[in-house]
N, C-alpha and C. Protein backbone atom coordinates (compact mmCIF):
# COMPACT_ATOMS: atom_id res chain seq x y z
N MET A 1 -19.23 9.50 13.77
CA MET A 1 -18.41 8.58 13.02
C MET A 1 -17.42 7.93 13.97
N SER A 2 -17.21 6.66 13.82
CA SER A 2 -16.23 5.95 14.64
C SER A 2 -15.12 5.41 13.75
N VAL A 3 -13.97 5.23 14.36
CA VAL A 3 -12.80 4.72 13.64
C VAL A 3 -12.31 3.49 14.37
N ARG A 4 -12.02 2.47 13.61
CA ARG A 4 -11.45 1.24 14.17
C ARG A 4 -10.18 0.94 13.40
N LEU A 5 -9.09 0.69 14.09
CA LEU A 5 -7.83 0.36 13.45
C LEU A 5 -7.60 -1.14 13.52
N GLU A 6 -7.21 -1.71 12.42
CA GLU A 6 -6.86 -3.13 12.35
C GLU A 6 -5.39 -3.22 11.96
N TYR A 7 -4.60 -3.88 12.77
CA TYR A 7 -3.17 -4.02 12.50
C TYR A 7 -2.85 -5.42 12.02
N ARG A 8 -1.92 -5.50 11.09
CA ARG A 8 -1.39 -6.78 10.65
C ARG A 8 0.12 -6.63 10.58
N ALA A 9 0.86 -7.67 10.95
CA ALA A 9 2.32 -7.64 10.89
C ALA A 9 2.80 -8.82 10.06
N ALA A 10 3.74 -8.56 9.17
CA ALA A 10 4.24 -9.59 8.26
C ALA A 10 5.32 -10.45 8.90
N GLU A 11 5.77 -10.09 10.07
CA GLU A 11 6.77 -10.87 10.82
C GLU A 11 8.00 -11.18 9.98
N GLY A 12 8.51 -10.17 9.31
CA GLY A 12 9.73 -10.33 8.52
C GLY A 12 9.51 -10.84 7.11
N LYS A 13 8.32 -11.32 6.79
CA LYS A 13 8.00 -11.78 5.44
C LYS A 13 7.28 -10.64 4.76
N LEU A 14 8.06 -9.81 4.04
CA LEU A 14 7.57 -8.52 3.59
C LEU A 14 6.40 -8.58 2.62
N GLU A 15 6.33 -9.58 1.78
CA GLU A 15 5.22 -9.64 0.82
C GLU A 15 4.28 -10.78 1.21
N ARG A 16 3.23 -10.41 1.91
CA ARG A 16 2.23 -11.40 2.34
C ARG A 16 0.85 -10.92 1.96
N PRO A 17 0.42 -11.18 0.70
CA PRO A 17 -0.91 -10.74 0.28
C PRO A 17 -2.03 -11.29 1.15
N ALA A 18 -1.80 -12.39 1.84
CA ALA A 18 -2.84 -12.96 2.70
C ALA A 18 -3.24 -11.97 3.79
N LEU A 19 -2.30 -11.17 4.27
CA LEU A 19 -2.64 -10.18 5.29
C LEU A 19 -3.57 -9.12 4.73
N ALA A 20 -3.32 -8.68 3.52
CA ALA A 20 -4.21 -7.71 2.87
C ALA A 20 -5.58 -8.34 2.63
N ALA A 21 -5.60 -9.61 2.28
CA ALA A 21 -6.88 -10.30 2.07
C ALA A 21 -7.69 -10.35 3.36
N GLU A 22 -7.01 -10.51 4.50
CA GLU A 22 -7.71 -10.49 5.79
C GLU A 22 -8.39 -9.13 6.00
N LEU A 23 -7.66 -8.06 5.65
CA LEU A 23 -8.23 -6.72 5.80
C LEU A 23 -9.43 -6.53 4.88
N LEU A 24 -9.34 -7.05 3.67
CA LEU A 24 -10.48 -6.95 2.74
C LEU A 24 -11.70 -7.66 3.29
N ALA A 25 -11.48 -8.80 3.91
CA ALA A 25 -12.60 -9.55 4.49
C ALA A 25 -13.28 -8.76 5.61
N LEU A 26 -12.53 -7.88 6.26
CA LEU A 26 -13.09 -7.03 7.31
C LEU A 26 -13.77 -5.78 6.75
N LYS A 27 -13.71 -5.62 5.43
CA LYS A 27 -14.34 -4.49 4.74
C LYS A 27 -13.77 -3.14 5.20
N VAL A 28 -12.44 -3.08 5.26
CA VAL A 28 -11.80 -1.81 5.62
C VAL A 28 -12.03 -0.79 4.52
N ARG A 29 -11.91 0.47 4.85
CA ARG A 29 -12.13 1.55 3.88
C ARG A 29 -10.84 2.08 3.30
N VAL A 30 -9.72 1.81 3.96
CA VAL A 30 -8.41 2.24 3.47
C VAL A 30 -7.35 1.32 4.07
N ILE A 31 -6.28 1.09 3.32
CA ILE A 31 -5.14 0.32 3.80
C ILE A 31 -3.94 1.25 3.83
N VAL A 32 -3.26 1.30 4.98
CA VAL A 32 -2.03 2.08 5.10
C VAL A 32 -0.88 1.09 5.18
N ALA A 33 0.05 1.21 4.24
CA ALA A 33 1.19 0.30 4.18
C ALA A 33 2.46 1.10 4.49
N PRO A 34 3.22 0.68 5.49
CA PRO A 34 4.38 1.47 5.90
C PRO A 34 5.55 1.44 4.92
N ILE A 35 5.68 0.37 4.14
CA ILE A 35 6.82 0.24 3.23
C ILE A 35 6.37 -0.32 1.88
N THR A 36 7.23 -0.21 0.89
CA THR A 36 6.89 -0.61 -0.48
C THR A 36 6.40 -2.06 -0.59
N PRO A 37 7.10 -3.06 -0.03
CA PRO A 37 6.61 -4.43 -0.19
C PRO A 37 5.20 -4.64 0.35
N ALA A 38 4.87 -3.99 1.45
CA ALA A 38 3.52 -4.12 2.01
C ALA A 38 2.50 -3.48 1.08
N ALA A 39 2.85 -2.33 0.50
CA ALA A 39 1.94 -1.67 -0.44
C ALA A 39 1.76 -2.51 -1.69
N LEU A 40 2.83 -3.14 -2.17
CA LEU A 40 2.72 -4.01 -3.35
C LEU A 40 1.82 -5.20 -3.06
N ALA A 41 1.96 -5.78 -1.87
CA ALA A 41 1.10 -6.91 -1.50
C ALA A 41 -0.36 -6.49 -1.46
N ALA A 42 -0.63 -5.31 -0.90
CA ALA A 42 -2.01 -4.81 -0.86
C ALA A 42 -2.51 -4.53 -2.27
N LYS A 43 -1.66 -3.97 -3.12
CA LYS A 43 -2.07 -3.66 -4.50
C LYS A 43 -2.44 -4.92 -5.27
N GLN A 44 -1.76 -6.02 -4.98
CA GLN A 44 -2.09 -7.30 -5.63
C GLN A 44 -3.46 -7.80 -5.20
N THR A 45 -3.91 -7.36 -4.06
CA THR A 45 -5.14 -7.87 -3.47
C THR A 45 -6.39 -7.10 -3.85
N THR A 46 -6.26 -5.77 -4.05
CA THR A 46 -7.44 -4.96 -4.34
C THR A 46 -7.14 -3.87 -5.35
N LYS A 47 -8.11 -3.60 -6.18
CA LYS A 47 -8.02 -2.48 -7.13
C LYS A 47 -9.01 -1.38 -6.79
N THR A 48 -9.77 -1.56 -5.70
CA THR A 48 -10.80 -0.58 -5.35
C THR A 48 -10.57 0.14 -4.03
N ILE A 49 -10.05 -0.54 -3.03
CA ILE A 49 -9.82 0.09 -1.73
C ILE A 49 -8.58 0.96 -1.81
N PRO A 50 -8.65 2.20 -1.35
CA PRO A 50 -7.47 3.07 -1.38
C PRO A 50 -6.32 2.50 -0.54
N ILE A 51 -5.12 2.58 -1.10
CA ILE A 51 -3.91 2.14 -0.41
C ILE A 51 -2.99 3.35 -0.30
N VAL A 52 -2.56 3.64 0.92
CA VAL A 52 -1.65 4.76 1.16
C VAL A 52 -0.34 4.19 1.68
N PHE A 53 0.74 4.41 0.94
CA PHE A 53 2.04 3.95 1.42
C PHE A 53 2.71 5.10 2.17
N ALA A 54 3.35 4.76 3.28
CA ALA A 54 3.96 5.77 4.12
C ALA A 54 5.34 6.17 3.62
N PHE A 55 6.01 5.29 2.91
CA PHE A 55 7.32 5.61 2.37
C PHE A 55 7.62 4.68 1.20
N ALA A 56 8.10 5.26 0.12
CA ALA A 56 8.56 4.47 -1.03
C ALA A 56 9.74 5.21 -1.65
N GLY A 57 10.82 4.50 -1.88
CA GLY A 57 11.98 5.11 -2.49
C GLY A 57 11.74 5.44 -3.95
N ASP A 58 11.06 4.55 -4.66
CA ASP A 58 10.79 4.74 -6.08
C ASP A 58 9.44 4.11 -6.42
N PRO A 59 8.34 4.82 -6.17
CA PRO A 59 7.02 4.24 -6.40
C PRO A 59 6.75 3.91 -7.87
N VAL A 60 7.35 4.65 -8.80
CA VAL A 60 7.16 4.35 -10.22
C VAL A 60 7.96 3.10 -10.59
N GLY A 61 9.22 3.06 -10.22
CA GLY A 61 10.08 1.92 -10.54
C GLY A 61 9.63 0.62 -9.90
N SER A 62 9.05 0.71 -8.72
CA SER A 62 8.59 -0.49 -8.03
C SER A 62 7.24 -0.99 -8.55
N GLY A 63 6.54 -0.13 -9.31
CA GLY A 63 5.24 -0.53 -9.84
C GLY A 63 4.06 -0.13 -8.98
N LEU A 64 4.30 0.65 -7.94
CA LEU A 64 3.16 1.09 -7.11
C LEU A 64 2.25 2.04 -7.87
N VAL A 65 2.85 2.96 -8.64
CA VAL A 65 2.09 3.92 -9.43
C VAL A 65 2.64 3.96 -10.85
N THR A 66 1.81 4.42 -11.80
CA THR A 66 2.21 4.48 -13.20
C THR A 66 3.21 5.61 -13.44
N SER A 67 2.92 6.79 -12.86
CA SER A 67 3.83 7.93 -12.99
C SER A 67 3.50 8.92 -11.87
N PHE A 68 4.40 9.87 -11.65
CA PHE A 68 4.12 10.89 -10.64
C PHE A 68 3.00 11.82 -11.10
N ALA A 69 3.00 12.16 -12.38
CA ALA A 69 1.98 13.08 -12.91
C ALA A 69 0.60 12.44 -12.94
N ARG A 70 0.53 11.17 -13.27
CA ARG A 70 -0.75 10.45 -13.35
C ARG A 70 -0.57 9.07 -12.71
N PRO A 71 -0.67 9.02 -11.38
CA PRO A 71 -0.41 7.76 -10.70
C PRO A 71 -1.39 6.65 -11.07
N GLY A 72 -2.65 7.01 -11.34
CA GLY A 72 -3.65 6.01 -11.70
C GLY A 72 -3.93 5.06 -10.56
N GLY A 73 -4.93 4.25 -10.72
CA GLY A 73 -5.25 3.22 -9.74
C GLY A 73 -5.68 3.74 -8.39
N ASN A 74 -5.47 2.92 -7.39
CA ASN A 74 -5.95 3.19 -6.04
C ASN A 74 -4.82 3.36 -5.03
N VAL A 75 -3.62 3.62 -5.52
CA VAL A 75 -2.45 3.71 -4.63
C VAL A 75 -1.88 5.12 -4.65
N THR A 76 -1.58 5.64 -3.46
CA THR A 76 -0.94 6.95 -3.32
C THR A 76 -0.06 6.93 -2.09
N GLY A 77 0.77 7.95 -1.94
CA GLY A 77 1.59 7.99 -0.74
C GLY A 77 2.73 8.97 -0.86
N LEU A 78 3.73 8.76 0.00
CA LEU A 78 4.88 9.63 0.08
C LEU A 78 6.11 8.93 -0.50
N ALA A 79 6.92 9.70 -1.22
CA ALA A 79 8.16 9.15 -1.78
C ALA A 79 9.31 10.07 -1.41
N SER A 80 10.47 9.48 -1.27
CA SER A 80 11.68 10.24 -1.00
C SER A 80 12.59 10.12 -2.21
N LEU A 81 12.76 11.22 -2.90
CA LEU A 81 13.59 11.23 -4.09
C LEU A 81 14.76 12.19 -3.87
N SER A 82 15.94 11.77 -4.31
CA SER A 82 17.10 12.64 -4.20
C SER A 82 18.08 12.32 -5.32
N ARG A 83 18.88 13.27 -5.65
CA ARG A 83 19.92 13.06 -6.66
C ARG A 83 21.19 12.64 -5.94
N SER A 84 21.83 11.65 -6.49
CA SER A 84 23.08 11.17 -5.87
C SER A 84 24.27 11.79 -6.53
């Protein structure tokens, strides 16, 4: 099995679904999004390819997942939750 990494950078424009569309055209098997806006852009682009977000402050509130118990869809990842 071989692995190929494809990188895309939003250059400060956090929500750029066109970048996710480029990855879809390359037929990637998974999208890793480092932050919430990138994951949201990817989520707008595909409902089938797995999307893994590296960090989200509130994945439920932002709309990345439906709930922690039943996230649904094709998005998963890590969240940092704390009580203030």
